[in-house]
Amino acid sequence: MSEKSKISCCSLRSEYDLKSLGVRKFGPEQKSFGKTTIRLEPDVAQVFPNADVVNEALRFLIRVVQDNQVSAFTKQPHSSSEGADKTP
C-alpha cells in the first residue's frame, strides 16, 4: 500500500460518524428494504419456480377461501326462524 493511500484511508472527516453505520449482511439474513422475504421449504420450491407463480397461486387460494366463506353464509338457514316455522 502506498503512503498516499494509507493517509486517505485512515483520515476521515469529522462529519463522518462510522459508529452509527450498521453492517450489511449477505445471504438470507440480509436486510431487505421494502420487501418481505419468505423462505419456502425445498419440496414447495420445486413446484413454484419464482415469486410470480407463488403470488398467483396465493391470490387464487385467497379468492377460493373468500368465495367459500360468502357461499357458506348464504347457504345456512337462520337458526331462530328454522324452529319457529315447524309445527309440533
Protein backbone atom coordinates (compact mmCIF):
# COMPACT_ATOMS: atom_id res chain seq x y z
CA MET A 1 0.00 0.00 0.00
CA SER A 2 1.39 3.38 -0.91
CA GLU A 3 1.91 6.18 1.58
CA LYS A 4 -0.86 8.27 -0.02
CA SER A 5 -3.48 5.52 0.28
CA LYS A 6 -2.58 4.95 3.96
CA ILE A 7 -3.27 8.60 4.72
CA SER A 8 -6.57 8.83 2.85
CA CYS A 9 -7.73 5.50 4.27
CA CYS A 10 -7.21 6.41 7.89
CA SER A 11 -8.02 10.12 7.99
CA LEU A 12 -11.75 10.71 7.78
CA ARG A 13 -13.53 14.00 8.03
CA SER A 14 -15.07 14.82 11.40
CA GLU A 15 -18.63 14.79 9.98
CA TYR A 16 -18.38 11.07 9.19
CA ASP A 17 -19.75 9.11 12.14
CA LEU A 18 -18.99 5.46 11.44
CA LYS A 19 -20.37 4.30 14.79
CA SER A 20 -23.95 4.79 13.56
CA LEU A 21 -23.44 2.66 10.45
CA GLY A 22 -24.79 -0.87 10.52
CA VAL A 23 -23.10 -3.83 8.93
CA ARG A 24 -24.94 -5.07 5.89
CA LYS A 25 -25.26 -8.82 5.91
CA PHE A 26 -25.23 -11.03 2.88
CA GLY A 27 -27.38 -14.08 2.28
CA PRO A 28 -30.75 -14.91 3.84
CA GLU A 29 -30.06 -12.75 6.92
CA GLN A 30 -29.56 -9.55 4.90
CA LYS A 31 -31.87 -6.65 5.46
CA SER A 32 -34.47 -6.14 2.80
CA PHE A 33 -35.65 -2.65 2.04
CA GLY A 34 -39.38 -2.58 1.42
CA LYS A 35 -39.78 -6.24 0.56
CA THR A 36 -40.83 -9.22 2.60
CA THR A 37 -38.77 -12.35 2.17
CA ILE A 38 -40.47 -15.72 2.58
CA ARG A 39 -38.42 -18.89 2.70
CA LEU A 40 -40.07 -21.88 1.01
CA GLU A 41 -39.40 -25.45 2.00
CA PRO A 42 -37.50 -27.38 -0.72
CA ASP A 43 -40.49 -29.51 -1.75
CA VAL A 44 -42.68 -26.41 -2.18
CA ALA A 45 -39.93 -24.55 -4.05
CA GLN A 46 -39.81 -27.35 -6.63
CA VAL A 47 -43.45 -26.67 -7.54
CA PHE A 48 -43.14 -22.86 -7.55
CA PRO A 49 -40.13 -21.76 -9.64
CA ASN A 50 -40.41 -17.99 -8.97
CA ALA A 51 -42.19 -15.32 -6.94
CA ASP A 52 -44.75 -14.55 -9.64
CA VAL A 53 -46.04 -18.13 -9.64
CA VAL A 54 -46.22 -18.18 -5.83
CA ASN A 55 -48.17 -14.90 -5.77
CA GLU A 56 -50.58 -16.13 -8.45
CA ALA A 57 -51.26 -19.34 -6.51
CA LEU A 58 -51.78 -17.46 -3.24
CA ARG A 59 -54.16 -14.97 -4.86
CA PHE A 60 -56.16 -17.88 -6.29
CA LEU A 61 -56.30 -19.51 -2.85
CA ILE A 62 -57.46 -16.23 -1.30
CA ARG A 63 -60.28 -15.96 -3.86
CA VAL A 64 -61.38 -19.56 -3.24
CA VAL A 65 -61.44 -19.08 0.53
CA GLN A 66 -63.33 -15.79 0.26
CA ASP A 67 -65.88 -17.30 -2.16
CA ASN A 68 -66.42 -20.27 0.15
CA GLN A 69 -66.94 -18.00 3.15
CA VAL A 70 -69.56 -15.95 1.30
CA SER A 71 -71.36 -19.04 -0.01
CA ALA A 72 -71.31 -20.65 3.44
CA PHE A 73 -73.11 -17.64 4.90
CA THR A 74 -75.74 -17.55 2.15
CA LYS A 75 -76.49 -21.30 2.24
CA GLN A 76 -77.02 -21.60 6.02
CA PRO A 77 -80.59 -21.05 7.17
CA HIS A 78 -81.19 -18.79 10.15
CA SER A 79 -81.37 -20.89 13.28
CA SER A 80 -84.00 -18.71 15.01
CA SER A 81 -86.52 -18.92 12.11
CA GLU A 82 -85.87 -22.59 11.48
CA GLY A 83 -87.50 -23.78 14.69
CA ALA A 84 -90.33 -21.21 14.59
CA ASP A 85 -91.74 -22.42 11.25
CA LYS A 86 -92.23 -26.02 12.35
CA THR A 87 -95.48 -27.09 13.98
CA PRO A 88 -95.46 -29.84 16.60
